[in-house]
Amino acid sequence: MVIIMKVGATQQEVDHVIERIQASGLQAHLVQGEERVIIGAIGDTKVARPDNFNLLPAVDRVMPISRPYKLASREFNPYDTRVVVNGIQIGGPGITLMAGPCSVESREQLLETALAVKEAGAQILRGGAYKPRTSPYAFQGMGEAGLELLAEVREITGMPVITEVMTPEQLPIVEKYADILQIGARNMQNFALLHAAGSSPLPVLLKRGLSATIDELLMSAEHILAYGNPQVILCERGIRTFETTTRNTTDINAIPVLKSLSHLPVILDPSHSTGHWEYVSAVARAGIAAGADGLIVEVHRAPDEALSDGNQSLKPERFGEMVRQVRAIAEVLGRGASQAVSAPSPISLPVEA
């Protein structure tokens, strides 16, 4: 259930409600709005009747959460969550651009690509050090050596890094080098990994599974949120359908649907959605027009020589043109580039018992 406090409720009154929630065996999650405080009571609400809280003098009203995903739902938090990474805000009025190679292959390749995408307007550097590949004989990534290169290039360019983590055991070493954890489509329902990421201090970009429904994506996000990490970013990356002309089928519908059902930021991956560089810019434009909070795009200086996913990688000059196009669309919609900020606001924070 959601407990909405009256305008002007004091901290002491808020603390009293939190104590009552915890005494009922529920978890309290606080959302600080501009005018009101909202407290989510999560758990088996059969043991705690709404009337137990409605009668408290500082409580305005109590509302049930009908969705199976509680913390991820807009019923729980009516405010858009904004995740801040090194001063870059993901979510909110601006759009955020993440770009870089599918896989880290060498220092020269990574640095050249990072400098090019930054000049074009990307704010966050993507690059894979651990790669889940369909074939066991395909390039699996450079591992920790790739993470070290990502950290070095971050120091040179000032761009925070997003990279994939595949197992709970990898999490400590990836946290050492990364700024954002990426959980890929194949691991969307790896619950041990979701729980480990829920205990991480780093934001998590969660990609939709190959054949996952929107509800399943949000339930996976709920696992991360329930384990204490409120910094979750949803990513639509195309789903598997009967169509084989493209790698996947881009579910543009998912963007406005997710924005209506959840307060979490939504990013589109037009590279994996299409699998062909020729279609990446068009789908990226559609995603921003549909309301996506940003894009994550694969860029390579020589796609024909890429060790993974060269077919869907843009050359730097094509990425630059795509950035100009999506920014023009964003401006028409009253959105510009994501602005640097000092702290996330507002964001849902768990309150420990």
Protein backbone atom coordinates (compact mmCIF):
# COMPACT_ATOMS: atom_id res chain seq x y z
CA MET A 1 0.00 0.00 0.00
CA VAL A 2 0.97 3.65 -0.43
CA ILE A 3 0.56 6.08 2.46
CA ILE A 4 0.30 9.69 1.33
CA MET A 5 1.16 12.19 4.03
CA LYS A 6 -0.58 15.53 4.38
CA VAL A 7 1.12 18.65 3.03
CA GLY A 8 3.34 20.03 5.78
CA ALA A 9 3.73 16.76 7.68
CA THR A 10 6.69 17.02 10.05
CA GLN A 11 9.68 14.68 10.09
CA GLN A 12 8.52 13.40 13.46
CA GLU A 13 5.11 12.48 12.01
CA VAL A 14 6.76 10.76 9.03
CA ASP A 15 9.04 8.81 11.37
CA HIS A 16 6.03 7.73 13.42
CA VAL A 17 4.31 6.28 10.34
CA ILE A 18 7.52 4.47 9.35
CA GLU A 19 7.72 2.96 12.83
CA ARG A 20 4.11 1.77 12.57
CA ILE A 21 4.83 0.20 9.16
CA GLN A 22 7.88 -1.64 10.43
CA ALA A 23 6.04 -2.77 13.56
CA SER A 24 3.51 -4.43 11.23
CA GLY A 25 6.29 -6.49 9.64
CA LEU A 26 6.41 -4.44 6.43
CA GLN A 27 9.23 -2.57 4.73
CA ALA A 28 8.97 1.23 4.51
CA HIS A 29 10.14 2.99 1.34
CA LEU A 30 10.21 6.77 1.34
CA VAL A 31 9.56 9.05 -1.65
CA GLN A 32 10.20 12.74 -1.02
CA GLY A 33 8.12 14.88 -3.38
CA GLU A 34 8.17 18.64 -3.76
CA GLU A 35 5.03 19.07 -1.63
CA ARG A 36 4.26 15.71 -0.06
CA VAL A 37 5.98 12.70 1.41
CA ILE A 38 4.82 9.31 0.16
CA ILE A 39 5.63 6.13 2.07
CA GLY A 40 5.33 2.70 0.49
CA ALA A 41 4.49 -0.20 2.82
CA ILE A 42 5.75 -3.31 1.04
CA GLY A 43 5.20 -6.90 2.14
CA ASP A 44 2.24 -8.99 3.27
CA THR A 45 -0.28 -6.21 3.77
CA LYS A 46 -2.91 -8.69 4.98
CA VAL A 47 -1.47 -8.23 8.46
CA ALA A 48 -1.73 -4.44 8.31
CA ARG A 49 -5.13 -2.92 7.52
CA PRO A 50 -5.23 0.47 5.76
CA ASP A 51 -7.43 1.81 8.56
CA ASN A 52 -4.50 1.40 10.94
CA PHE A 53 -2.80 4.24 9.04
CA ASN A 54 -5.79 6.24 7.76
CA LEU A 55 -6.60 7.23 11.34
CA LEU A 56 -3.19 8.78 11.97
CA PRO A 57 -3.55 12.60 12.03
CA ALA A 58 -0.73 13.36 9.56
CA VAL A 59 -1.91 10.82 6.95
CA ASP A 60 -3.95 12.19 4.05
CA ARG A 61 -4.99 8.86 2.53
CA VAL A 62 -3.93 5.25 1.97
CA MET A 63 -4.03 3.64 -1.46
CA PRO A 64 -3.48 0.00 -2.50
CA ILE A 65 -0.86 -0.92 -5.13
CA SER A 66 -2.61 -3.16 -7.65
CA ARG A 67 0.46 -4.12 -9.68
CA PRO A 68 2.49 -7.23 -8.77
CA TYR A 69 5.62 -5.08 -9.09
CA LYS A 70 5.27 -2.68 -6.18
CA LEU A 71 8.42 -0.55 -5.98
CA ALA A 72 8.72 -0.27 -9.77
CA SER A 73 5.13 0.89 -10.27
CA ARG A 74 4.00 4.45 -10.82
CA GLU A 75 1.29 3.78 -8.23
CA PHE A 76 4.08 3.56 -5.65
CA ASN A 77 6.05 6.56 -6.95
CA PRO A 78 4.23 9.14 -9.11
CA TYR A 79 7.48 11.07 -9.64
CA ASP A 80 9.95 10.18 -12.40
CA THR A 81 13.07 8.59 -10.93
CA ARG A 82 16.26 10.29 -12.05
CA VAL A 83 19.48 8.35 -11.80
CA VAL A 84 22.62 10.48 -11.53
CA VAL A 85 26.03 9.11 -12.55
CA ASN A 86 29.04 11.41 -12.12
CA GLY A 87 26.78 14.42 -12.54
CA ILE A 88 24.96 13.03 -15.61
CA GLN A 89 21.23 12.63 -15.11
CA ILE A 90 19.37 9.71 -16.67
CA GLY A 91 15.63 10.38 -16.70
CA GLY A 92 13.91 13.73 -16.40
CA PRO A 93 13.59 16.37 -19.11
CA GLY A 94 16.80 15.66 -21.04
CA ILE A 95 17.97 12.68 -23.10
CA THR A 96 21.12 10.71 -22.30
CA LEU A 97 23.34 9.14 -24.95
CA MET A 98 25.49 6.09 -24.20
CA ALA A 99 27.82 4.90 -26.95
CA GLY A 100 30.92 2.85 -27.64
CA PRO A 101 32.05 -0.51 -29.01
CA CYS A 102 30.25 -3.76 -28.37
CA SER A 103 33.51 -5.22 -27.10
CA VAL A 104 36.72 -3.69 -25.83
CA GLU A 105 39.37 -4.96 -28.25
CA SER A 106 42.42 -2.77 -27.65
CA ARG A 107 43.47 0.50 -26.01
CA GLU A 108 43.75 2.25 -29.37
CA GLN A 109 40.33 1.05 -30.55
CA LEU A 110 38.60 2.02 -27.32
CA LEU A 111 40.24 5.42 -26.90
CA GLU A 112 39.68 6.45 -30.52
CA THR A 113 36.03 5.44 -30.34
CA ALA A 114 35.49 7.12 -26.96
CA LEU A 115 36.95 10.43 -28.13
CA ALA A 116 34.83 10.30 -31.29
CA VAL A 117 31.52 9.56 -29.54
CA LYS A 118 32.19 12.18 -26.88
CA GLU A 119 32.85 14.81 -29.55
CA ALA A 120 29.57 13.78 -31.23
CA GLY A 121 27.61 14.27 -28.00
CA ALA A 122 27.65 10.99 -26.07
CA GLN A 123 27.83 11.42 -22.30
CA ILE A 124 28.47 7.81 -21.19
CA LEU A 125 30.92 5.27 -22.63
CA ARG A 126 29.70 1.72 -23.23
CA GLY A 127 32.01 -1.22 -23.81
CA GLY A 128 31.90 -4.93 -23.07
CA ALA A 129 34.69 -6.66 -21.15
CA TYR A 130 32.70 -9.85 -20.55
CA LYS A 131 30.60 -10.96 -23.51
CA PRO A 132 27.81 -13.59 -23.40
CA ARG A 133 28.06 -15.08 -26.90
CA THR A 134 25.80 -17.63 -28.54
CA SER A 135 28.82 -19.60 -29.78
CA PRO A 136 31.43 -20.77 -27.26
CA TYR A 137 34.06 -20.22 -29.98
CA ALA A 138 33.24 -16.53 -30.50
CA PHE A 139 35.21 -13.73 -28.81
CA GLN A 140 34.23 -13.71 -25.14
CA GLY A 141 35.77 -10.37 -24.20
CA MET A 142 39.05 -9.28 -22.59
CA GLY A 143 37.84 -9.71 -19.02
CA GLU A 144 39.62 -7.66 -16.37
CA ALA A 145 42.11 -6.32 -18.92
CA GLY A 146 39.15 -4.81 -20.77
CA LEU A 147 37.82 -3.31 -17.54
CA GLU A 148 41.21 -1.71 -16.88
CA LEU A 149 41.15 -0.13 -20.34
CA LEU A 150 37.64 1.21 -19.74
CA ALA A 151 38.78 2.80 -16.47
CA GLU A 152 41.85 4.31 -18.15
CA VAL A 153 39.80 5.80 -20.98
CA ARG A 154 37.31 7.16 -18.43
CA GLU A 155 40.17 9.08 -16.81
CA ILE A 156 41.24 10.48 -20.18
CA THR A 157 37.78 11.43 -21.47
CA GLY A 158 35.86 12.09 -18.25
CA MET A 159 33.04 9.81 -19.48
CA PRO A 160 31.51 7.41 -16.94
CA VAL A 161 31.49 3.76 -18.00
CA ILE A 162 28.69 1.23 -18.42
CA THR A 163 29.66 -2.42 -18.89
CA GLU A 164 28.00 -5.80 -18.56
CA VAL A 165 28.17 -8.11 -15.57
CA MET A 166 27.20 -11.74 -16.17
CA THR A 167 27.39 -13.49 -12.80
CA PRO A 168 27.21 -12.57 -9.11
CA GLU A 169 30.84 -13.67 -8.80
CA GLN A 170 31.91 -11.06 -11.38
CA LEU A 171 30.16 -8.24 -9.57
CA PRO A 172 32.98 -7.14 -7.20
CA ILE A 173 35.54 -6.81 -9.97
CA VAL A 174 33.13 -5.03 -12.34
CA GLU A 175 32.13 -2.62 -9.54
CA LYS A 176 35.82 -1.79 -9.12
CA TYR A 177 36.01 -0.32 -12.63
CA ALA A 178 32.47 0.57 -13.79
CA ASP A 179 30.03 3.38 -13.03
CA ILE A 180 26.88 1.61 -14.27
CA LEU A 181 26.20 -2.14 -14.28
CA GLN A 182 24.51 -3.60 -17.34
CA ILE A 183 22.46 -6.77 -17.01
CA GLY A 184 21.97 -8.20 -20.47
CA ALA A 185 18.89 -9.71 -22.08
CA ARG A 186 20.03 -13.27 -21.45
CA ASN A 187 20.37 -12.56 -17.74
CA MET A 188 17.15 -10.60 -17.20
CA GLN A 189 15.78 -13.45 -15.08
CA ASN A 190 19.07 -14.51 -13.48
CA PHE A 191 17.65 -13.88 -10.03
CA ALA A 192 20.89 -14.48 -8.17
CA LEU A 193 22.50 -11.76 -10.30
CA LEU A 194 19.51 -9.43 -9.83
CA HIS A 195 19.73 -9.84 -6.06
CA ALA A 196 23.47 -9.20 -6.07
CA ALA A 197 22.94 -6.07 -8.19
CA GLY A 198 20.26 -5.01 -5.70
CA SER A 199 22.96 -4.85 -3.04
CA SER A 200 25.34 -2.84 -5.23
CA PRO A 201 25.92 0.91 -4.78
CA LEU A 202 26.04 1.32 -8.59
CA PRO A 203 23.09 2.03 -10.90
CA VAL A 204 21.84 -0.90 -12.98
CA LEU A 205 20.70 -0.84 -16.61
CA LEU A 206 18.37 -3.83 -17.03
CA LYS A 207 17.77 -5.06 -20.57
CA ARG A 208 14.53 -6.71 -21.58
CA GLY A 209 14.85 -10.44 -22.22
CA LEU A 210 14.69 -11.97 -25.70
CA SER A 211 11.04 -13.01 -25.33
CA ALA A 212 10.10 -11.29 -22.10
CA THR A 213 6.84 -9.46 -21.57
CA ILE A 214 6.75 -5.95 -20.17
CA ASP A 215 5.40 -7.29 -16.87
CA GLU A 216 8.29 -9.77 -16.67
CA LEU A 217 10.79 -6.96 -17.24
CA LEU A 218 9.22 -4.91 -14.46
CA MET A 219 9.16 -7.90 -12.11
CA SER A 220 12.89 -8.38 -12.75
CA ALA A 221 13.43 -4.71 -11.93
CA GLU A 222 11.42 -5.29 -8.76
CA HIS A 223 13.97 -7.88 -7.60
CA ILE A 224 16.74 -5.27 -7.80
CA LEU A 225 14.64 -2.62 -6.09
CA ALA A 226 13.48 -5.00 -3.35
CA TYR A 227 17.10 -5.80 -2.48
CA GLY A 228 17.77 -2.14 -1.81
CA ASN A 229 19.05 -0.54 -5.03
CA PRO A 230 16.68 2.22 -6.25
CA GLN A 231 18.90 3.16 -9.22
CA VAL A 232 17.37 1.00 -11.96
CA ILE A 233 17.22 1.96 -15.64
CA LEU A 234 15.02 -0.08 -17.99
CA CYS A 235 16.23 -0.89 -21.51
CA GLU A 236 14.12 -1.95 -24.49
CA ARG A 237 16.39 -3.80 -26.94
CA GLY A 238 13.98 -5.60 -29.24
CA ILE A 239 12.22 -8.92 -28.77
CA ARG A 240 12.30 -12.18 -30.70
CA THR A 241 9.36 -12.64 -33.09
CA PHE A 242 8.67 -14.56 -36.30
CA GLU A 243 10.37 -11.80 -38.32
CA THR A 244 13.94 -12.63 -39.39
CA THR A 245 14.82 -9.69 -41.63
CA THR A 246 16.16 -7.84 -38.59
CA ARG A 247 17.95 -9.32 -35.59
CA ASN A 248 14.99 -8.53 -33.31
CA THR A 249 11.71 -6.65 -33.51
CA THR A 250 11.87 -3.24 -31.86
CA ASP A 251 8.93 -2.83 -29.51
CA ILE A 252 8.43 0.92 -29.75
CA ASN A 253 5.13 0.39 -27.90
CA ALA A 254 7.12 -0.63 -24.84
CA ILE A 255 8.55 2.86 -24.36
CA PRO A 256 5.29 4.75 -23.66
CA VAL A 257 3.84 1.71 -21.90
CA LEU A 258 6.80 1.47 -19.51
CA LYS A 259 6.70 5.22 -18.93
CA SER A 260 3.03 4.95 -17.94
CA LEU A 261 3.39 1.87 -15.74
CA SER A 262 6.68 2.73 -14.03
CA HIS A 263 8.60 5.73 -12.72
CA LEU A 264 11.95 4.25 -13.80
CA PRO A 265 13.95 5.76 -16.71
CA VAL A 266 13.61 3.98 -20.06
CA ILE A 267 16.49 3.65 -22.55
CA LEU A 268 16.31 2.24 -26.10
CA ASP A 269 19.03 0.08 -27.68
CA PRO A 270 18.53 0.51 -31.45
CA SER A 271 21.66 -1.53 -32.24
CA HIS A 272 20.45 -4.85 -30.83
CA SER A 273 16.88 -4.02 -31.81
CA THR A 274 17.77 -4.07 -35.50
CA GLY A 275 21.08 -5.88 -35.87
CA HIS A 276 21.89 -3.81 -38.97
CA TRP A 277 23.59 -0.42 -38.87
CA GLU A 278 21.45 0.82 -41.77
CA TYR A 279 18.35 0.87 -39.55
CA VAL A 280 19.88 2.06 -36.27
CA SER A 281 19.39 5.82 -36.81
CA ALA A 282 15.78 5.45 -37.96
CA VAL A 283 14.84 3.34 -34.94
CA ALA A 284 16.76 5.70 -32.63
CA ARG A 285 14.70 8.61 -33.96
CA ALA A 286 11.50 6.66 -33.37
CA GLY A 287 12.54 5.82 -29.82
CA ILE A 288 13.17 9.43 -28.85
CA ALA A 289 9.91 10.47 -30.51
CA ALA A 290 8.12 7.80 -28.43
CA GLY A 291 9.50 9.23 -25.18
CA ALA A 292 12.69 7.28 -24.43
CA ASP A 293 14.99 8.94 -21.88
CA GLY A 294 18.02 8.09 -23.98
CA LEU A 295 19.83 5.62 -26.21
CA ILE A 296 22.62 3.06 -25.91
CA VAL A 297 24.32 2.64 -29.28
CA GLU A 298 27.20 0.52 -30.57
CA VAL A 299 29.91 2.45 -32.41
CA HIS A 300 33.12 1.09 -33.96
CA ARG A 301 35.80 2.83 -36.01
CA ALA A 302 36.02 -0.15 -38.43
CA PRO A 303 32.88 -2.31 -38.12
CA ASP A 304 34.15 -4.81 -40.70
CA GLU A 305 37.01 -5.62 -38.34
CA ALA A 306 34.96 -5.76 -35.12
CA LEU A 307 35.29 -8.90 -33.02
CA SER A 308 31.59 -8.80 -32.14
CA ASP A 309 28.42 -7.22 -33.58
CA GLY A 310 30.13 -5.29 -36.36
CA ASN A 311 27.01 -5.51 -38.54
CA GLN A 312 25.03 -3.33 -36.13
CA SER A 313 27.78 -0.86 -35.22
CA LEU A 314 27.75 2.69 -36.53
CA LYS A 315 30.93 4.37 -37.71
CA PRO A 316 31.71 7.51 -35.67
CA GLU A 317 30.59 9.89 -38.43
CA ARG A 318 27.26 8.10 -38.78
CA PHE A 319 26.81 8.23 -35.01
CA GLY A 320 27.40 11.98 -35.12
CA GLU A 321 24.68 12.39 -37.72
CA MET A 322 22.31 10.23 -35.63
CA VAL A 323 22.97 12.45 -32.59
CA ARG A 324 22.05 15.56 -34.57
CA GLN A 325 18.82 13.92 -35.72
CA VAL A 326 17.66 12.67 -32.33
CA ARG A 327 18.51 15.97 -30.65
CA ALA A 328 16.39 17.81 -33.22
CA ILE A 329 13.46 15.51 -32.41
CA ALA A 330 14.04 15.92 -28.67
CA GLU A 331 14.01 19.71 -28.99
CA VAL A 332 10.67 19.59 -30.81
CA LEU A 333 9.33 17.65 -27.82
CA GLY A 334 10.78 20.18 -25.37
CA ARG A 335 13.69 17.96 -24.39
CA GLY A 336 17.38 18.69 -24.81
CA ALA A 337 20.58 16.96 -23.81
CA SER A 338 20.71 15.68 -20.25
CA GLN A 339 22.04 18.40 -17.96
CA ALA A 340 24.76 17.94 -15.35
CA VAL A 341 23.38 17.86 -11.81
CA SER A 342 24.86 17.29 -8.39
CA ALA A 343 22.38 14.81 -6.91
CA PRO A 344 19.37 12.69 -7.94
CA SER A 345 15.96 14.15 -7.21
CA PRO A 346 13.49 12.75 -6.51
CA ILE A 347 14.33 9.06 -6.07
CA SER A 348 12.74 6.32 -4.00
CA LEU A 349 14.91 5.24 -1.10
CA PRO A 350 14.44 2.17 1.09
CA VAL A 351 14.18 2.76 4.82
CA GLU A 352 15.94 0.10 6.87
CA ALA A 353 14.10 -1.52 9.74
